[in-house]
Amino acid sequence: MVFSDRSEPGLRPFASGRLPLAYGLVLAPALAILGCVLAWLLSGLSVGILLLYFTVAASYSLRLKKMVLLDVFLLASFYTLRIVAGGIAAVVPLSVWLLACSIFFLSLAFIKRYAEFIVMRSVDGDHATARSYELSDAALLASMGVASGYAAVLVLSL
């Protein structure tokens, strides 16, 4: 089975050089401000969720993505924060069951890390590492991914 590696530089405009970095340095703050203004038009809570998401995402990108297990829990929390933001934007009450099920998107984060191992192992062999995980962690990541996937199905069925 072949996994698509979206982190490949050719598929990312800035990493590949197709877009100059200066564009990103100008557009990022402008888009962040525009996002906050649009969120403010919805509610103050929307701005709070947006700022929380931005803060956690920036922390994740700068440092936390290299911390074993914390990175997968943060990835799962990103899914949940997006659902909360969508519920606020659509003025739809969110059920506790939906939020509980969304936490178990943790399975996707575990499988994402496991897939990285598969790719890295094909490159580096038995000395492969993916982020801060070692090859001995691969079985644990796979089993935790499957377990949290089953837990999501259980919560959804309840």
C-alpha atoms as a PDB file:
ATOM      1  CA  MET A   1       0.000   0.000   0.000  1.00  0.00           C
ATOM      2  CA  VAL A   2       1.343   3.438  -0.925  1.00  0.00           C
ATOM      3  CA  PHE A   3       0.630   6.400   1.302  1.00  0.00           C
ATOM      4  CA  SER A   4       0.480   9.914  -0.091  1.00  0.00           C
ATOM      5  CA  ASP A   5       3.044  12.109   1.602  1.00  0.00           C
ATOM      6  CA  ARG A   6       1.606  15.620   1.621  1.00  0.00           C
ATOM      7  CA  SER A   7       4.671  16.873   3.420  1.00  0.00           C
ATOM      8  CA  GLU A   8       6.719  16.369   0.256  1.00  0.00           C
ATOM      9  CA  PRO A   9       8.221  19.789  -0.642  1.00  0.00           C
ATOM     10  CA  GLY A  10       6.957  19.638  -4.243  1.00  0.00           C
ATOM     11  CA  LEU A  11       3.358  19.684  -3.004  1.00  0.00           C
ATOM     12  CA  ARG A  12       3.798  22.662  -0.686  1.00  0.00           C
ATOM     13  CA  PRO A  13       4.038  26.012  -2.493  1.00  0.00           C
ATOM     14  CA  PHE A  14       6.373  27.732  -0.014  1.00  0.00           C
ATOM     15  CA  ALA A  15       8.620  24.718   0.576  1.00  0.00           C
ATOM     16  CA  SER A  16       8.959  24.090  -3.155  1.00  0.00           C
ATOM     17  CA  GLY A  17       9.743  27.748  -3.899  1.00  0.00           C
ATOM     18  CA  ARG A  18       6.729  28.206  -6.205  1.00  0.00           C
ATOM     19  CA  LEU A  19       5.550  31.001  -3.894  1.00  0.00           C
ATOM     20  CA  PRO A  20       8.053  33.438  -2.423  1.00  0.00           C
ATOM     21  CA  LEU A  21       8.269  33.461   1.376  1.00  0.00           C
ATOM     22  CA  ALA A  22       7.589  37.204   1.315  1.00  0.00           C
ATOM     23  CA  TYR A  23       4.013  36.456   0.187  1.00  0.00           C
ATOM     24  CA  GLY A  24       3.452  34.345   3.273  1.00  0.00           C
ATOM     25  CA  LEU A  25       4.995  36.937   5.575  1.00  0.00           C
ATOM     26  CA  VAL A  26       2.596  39.565   4.237  1.00  0.00           C
ATOM     27  CA  LEU A  27      -0.503  37.406   3.862  1.00  0.00           C
ATOM     28  CA  ALA A  28      -0.338  35.499   7.166  1.00  0.00           C
ATOM     29  CA  PRO A  29      -0.931  38.499   9.449  1.00  0.00           C
ATOM     30  CA  ALA A  30      -3.480  39.996   7.044  1.00  0.00           C
ATOM     31  CA  LEU A  31      -5.454  36.744   6.897  1.00  0.00           C
ATOM     32  CA  ALA A  32      -5.201  36.287  10.685  1.00  0.00           C
ATOM     33  CA  ILE A  33      -6.654  39.763  11.233  1.00  0.00           C
ATOM     34  CA  LEU A  34      -9.371  39.151   8.645  1.00  0.00           C
ATOM     35  CA  GLY A  35     -10.226  35.847  10.342  1.00  0.00           C
ATOM     36  CA  CYS A  36     -10.520  37.552  13.742  1.00  0.00           C
ATOM     37  CA  VAL A  37     -12.746  40.288  12.283  1.00  0.00           C
ATOM     38  CA  LEU A  38     -15.020  37.713  10.659  1.00  0.00           C
ATOM     39  CA  ALA A  39     -15.096  35.673  13.887  1.00  0.00           C
ATOM     40  CA  TRP A  40     -15.978  38.824  15.850  1.00  0.00           C
ATOM     41  CA  LEU A  41     -18.973  39.328  13.555  1.00  0.00           C
ATOM     42  CA  LEU A  42     -20.223  35.939  14.745  1.00  0.00           C
ATOM     43  CA  SER A  43     -19.511  36.271  18.463  1.00  0.00           C
ATOM     44  CA  GLY A  44     -16.846  36.951  21.035  1.00  0.00           C
ATOM     45  CA  LEU A  45     -16.746  33.226  21.733  1.00  0.00           C
ATOM     46  CA  SER A  46     -15.792  32.625  18.091  1.00  0.00           C
ATOM     47  CA  VAL A  47     -12.814  34.936  18.495  1.00  0.00           C
ATOM     48  CA  GLY A  48     -11.818  33.086  21.660  1.00  0.00           C
ATOM     49  CA  ILE A  49     -11.964  29.704  19.908  1.00  0.00           C
ATOM     50  CA  LEU A  50     -10.004  31.103  16.958  1.00  0.00           C
ATOM     51  CA  LEU A  51      -7.299  32.566  19.184  1.00  0.00           C
ATOM     52  CA  LEU A  52      -7.098  29.352  21.202  1.00  0.00           C
ATOM     53  CA  TYR A  53      -6.753  27.346  17.984  1.00  0.00           C
ATOM     54  CA  PHE A  54      -4.091  29.715  16.656  1.00  0.00           C
ATOM     55  CA  THR A  55      -2.119  29.607  19.911  1.00  0.00           C
ATOM     56  CA  VAL A  56      -2.197  25.825  20.194  1.00  0.00           C
ATOM     57  CA  ALA A  57      -1.429  25.374  16.476  1.00  0.00           C
ATOM     58  CA  ALA A  58       1.533  27.759  16.673  1.00  0.00           C
ATOM     59  CA  SER A  59       2.841  26.000  19.797  1.00  0.00           C
ATOM     60  CA  TYR A  60       2.365  22.665  18.070  1.00  0.00           C
ATOM     61  CA  SER A  61       4.224  23.790  14.957  1.00  0.00           C
ATOM     62  CA  LEU A  62       7.108  25.350  16.850  1.00  0.00           C
ATOM     63  CA  ARG A  63       7.736  22.758  19.542  1.00  0.00           C
ATOM     64  CA  LEU A  64       4.966  20.447  20.699  1.00  0.00           C
ATOM     65  CA  LYS A  65       4.868  18.309  17.536  1.00  0.00           C
ATOM     66  CA  LYS A  66       8.123  16.723  18.672  1.00  0.00           C
ATOM     67  CA  MET A  67       6.752  15.571  22.037  1.00  0.00           C
ATOM     68  CA  VAL A  68       5.758  11.915  22.108  1.00  0.00           C
ATOM     69  CA  LEU A  69       2.002  11.303  22.603  1.00  0.00           C
ATOM     70  CA  LEU A  70       1.274  14.980  23.295  1.00  0.00           C
ATOM     71  CA  ASP A  71       1.420  15.590  19.544  1.00  0.00           C
ATOM     72  CA  VAL A  72      -1.344  13.082  18.788  1.00  0.00           C
ATOM     73  CA  PHE A  73      -3.560  14.413  21.575  1.00  0.00           C
ATOM     74  CA  LEU A  74      -3.150  17.933  20.211  1.00  0.00           C
ATOM     75  CA  LEU A  75      -3.994  16.779  16.678  1.00  0.00           C
ATOM     76  CA  ALA A  76      -7.208  15.259  18.036  1.00  0.00           C
ATOM     77  CA  SER A  77      -7.998  18.469  19.919  1.00  0.00           C
ATOM     78  CA  PHE A  78      -7.670  20.408  16.639  1.00  0.00           C
ATOM     79  CA  TYR A  79     -10.508  18.329  15.168  1.00  0.00           C
ATOM     80  CA  THR A  80     -12.675  18.989  18.193  1.00  0.00           C
ATOM     81  CA  LEU A  81     -11.950  22.721  18.191  1.00  0.00           C
ATOM     82  CA  ARG A  82     -12.966  22.886  14.518  1.00  0.00           C
ATOM     83  CA  ILE A  83     -16.259  21.182  15.331  1.00  0.00           C
ATOM     84  CA  VAL A  84     -16.882  23.608  18.202  1.00  0.00           C
ATOM     85  CA  ALA A  85     -16.072  26.576  15.951  1.00  0.00           C
ATOM     86  CA  GLY A  86     -18.389  25.223  13.261  1.00  0.00           C
ATOM     87  CA  GLY A  87     -21.194  24.751  15.760  1.00  0.00           C
ATOM     88  CA  ILE A  88     -20.788  28.320  16.960  1.00  0.00           C
ATOM     89  CA  ALA A  89     -20.643  29.675  13.400  1.00  0.00           C
ATOM     90  CA  ALA A  90     -23.726  27.737  12.312  1.00  0.00           C
ATOM     91  CA  VAL A  91     -25.538  28.490  15.585  1.00  0.00           C
ATOM     92  CA  VAL A  92     -26.118  24.790  16.067  1.00  0.00           C
ATOM     93  CA  PRO A  93     -26.083  23.283  19.563  1.00  0.00           C
ATOM     94  CA  LEU A  94     -23.408  20.607  19.836  1.00  0.00           C
ATOM     95  CA  SER A  95     -24.274  17.372  21.552  1.00  0.00           C
ATOM     96  CA  VAL A  96     -22.017  15.949  24.201  1.00  0.00           C
ATOM     97  CA  TRP A  97     -21.980  12.735  22.165  1.00  0.00           C
ATOM     98  CA  LEU A  98     -20.631  14.482  19.067  1.00  0.00           C
ATOM     99  CA  LEU A  99     -17.873  16.105  21.091  1.00  0.00           C
ATOM    100  CA  ALA A 100     -17.043  12.827  22.832  1.00  0.00           C
ATOM    101  CA  CYS A 101     -16.869  11.056  19.483  1.00  0.00           C
ATOM    102  CA  SER A 102     -14.697  13.825  18.008  1.00  0.00           C
ATOM    103  CA  ILE A 103     -12.130  13.387  20.764  1.00  0.00           C
ATOM    104  CA  PHE A 104     -11.598   9.886  19.442  1.00  0.00           C
ATOM    105  CA  PHE A 105     -10.392  11.335  16.155  1.00  0.00           C
ATOM    106  CA  LEU A 106      -7.317  10.512  18.137  1.00  0.00           C
ATOM    107  CA  SER A 107      -7.335   7.317  16.082  1.00  0.00           C
ATOM    108  CA  LEU A 108      -6.598   9.362  12.952  1.00  0.00           C
ATOM    109  CA  ALA A 109      -3.652  11.025  14.673  1.00  0.00           C
ATOM    110  CA  PHE A 110      -2.242   7.680  15.796  1.00  0.00           C
ATOM    111  CA  ILE A 111      -2.621   6.218  12.325  1.00  0.00           C
ATOM    112  CA  LYS A 112      -0.997   9.328  10.838  1.00  0.00           C
ATOM    113  CA  ARG A 113       2.071   8.760  13.012  1.00  0.00           C
ATOM    114  CA  TYR A 114       2.057   5.063  12.186  1.00  0.00           C
ATOM    115  CA  ALA A 115       1.904   5.837   8.442  1.00  0.00           C
ATOM    116  CA  GLU A 116       4.923   8.124   8.873  1.00  0.00           C
ATOM    117  CA  PHE A 117       6.738   5.148  10.383  1.00  0.00           C
ATOM    118  CA  ILE A 118       5.938   3.010   7.371  1.00  0.00           C
ATOM    119  CA  VAL A 119       7.419   5.646   5.071  1.00  0.00           C
ATOM    120  CA  MET A 120      10.462   6.275   7.275  1.00  0.00           C
ATOM    121  CA  ARG A 121      11.137   2.573   7.683  1.00  0.00           C
ATOM    122  CA  SER A 122      11.237   2.164   3.906  1.00  0.00           C
ATOM    123  CA  VAL A 123      13.848   4.940   3.819  1.00  0.00           C
ATOM    124  CA  ASP A 124      15.922   4.298   6.962  1.00  0.00           C
ATOM    125  CA  GLY A 125      15.288   0.607   7.637  1.00  0.00           C
ATOM    126  CA  ASP A 126      15.408  -0.655  11.211  1.00  0.00           C
ATOM    127  CA  HIS A 127      16.933   2.601  12.482  1.00  0.00           C
ATOM    128  CA  ALA A 128      13.924   4.666  11.450  1.00  0.00           C
ATOM    129  CA  THR A 129      12.536   7.436  13.600  1.00  0.00           C
ATOM    130  CA  ALA A 130       9.514   9.606  12.916  1.00  0.00           C
ATOM    131  CA  ARG A 131       9.438  12.869  14.832  1.00  0.00           C
ATOM    132  CA  SER A 132      10.412  11.805  18.380  1.00  0.00           C
ATOM    133  CA  TYR A 133       9.059   8.270  18.043  1.00  0.00           C
ATOM    134  CA  GLU A 134      11.318   5.278  17.671  1.00  0.00           C
ATOM    135  CA  LEU A 135      10.669   2.124  15.705  1.00  0.00           C
ATOM    136  CA  SER A 136       9.750   0.272  18.898  1.00  0.00           C
ATOM    137  CA  ASP A 137       6.801   2.693  19.285  1.00  0.00           C
ATOM    138  CA  ALA A 138       5.198   1.632  15.981  1.00  0.00           C
ATOM    139  CA  ALA A 139       3.221  -1.292  17.424  1.00  0.00           C
ATOM    140  CA  LEU A 140       1.966   0.883  20.288  1.00  0.00           C
ATOM    141  CA  LEU A 141       0.850   3.612  17.873  1.00  0.00           C
ATOM    142  CA  ALA A 142      -1.005   1.077  15.725  1.00  0.00           C
ATOM    143  CA  SER A 143      -2.762  -0.571  18.662  1.00  0.00           C
ATOM    144  CA  MET A 144      -3.712   2.758  20.265  1.00  0.00           C
ATOM    145  CA  GLY A 145      -5.030   3.933  16.897  1.00  0.00           C
ATOM    146  CA  VAL A 146      -7.221   0.864  16.527  1.00  0.00           C
ATOM    147  CA  ALA A 147      -8.411   1.066  20.148  1.00  0.00           C
ATOM    148  CA  SER A 148      -9.375   4.732  19.888  1.00  0.00           C
ATOM    149  CA  GLY A 149     -11.124   4.024  16.574  1.00  0.00           C
ATOM    150  CA  TYR A 150     -13.215   1.346  18.273  1.00  0.00           C
ATOM    151  CA  ALA A 151     -13.928   3.740  21.138  1.00  0.00           C
ATOM    152  CA  ALA A 152     -15.175   6.341  18.629  1.00  0.00           C
ATOM    153  CA  VAL A 153     -17.520   3.786  17.066  1.00  0.00           C
ATOM    154  CA  LEU A 154     -18.730   2.771  20.539  1.00  0.00           C
ATOM    155  CA  VAL A 155     -19.446   6.380  21.522  1.00  0.00           C
ATOM    156  CA  LEU A 156     -21.157   7.002  18.188  1.00  0.00           C
ATOM    157  CA  SER A 157     -23.354   3.921  18.621  1.00  0.00           C
ATOM    158  CA  LEU A 158     -24.326   4.964  22.156  1.00  0.00           C
END
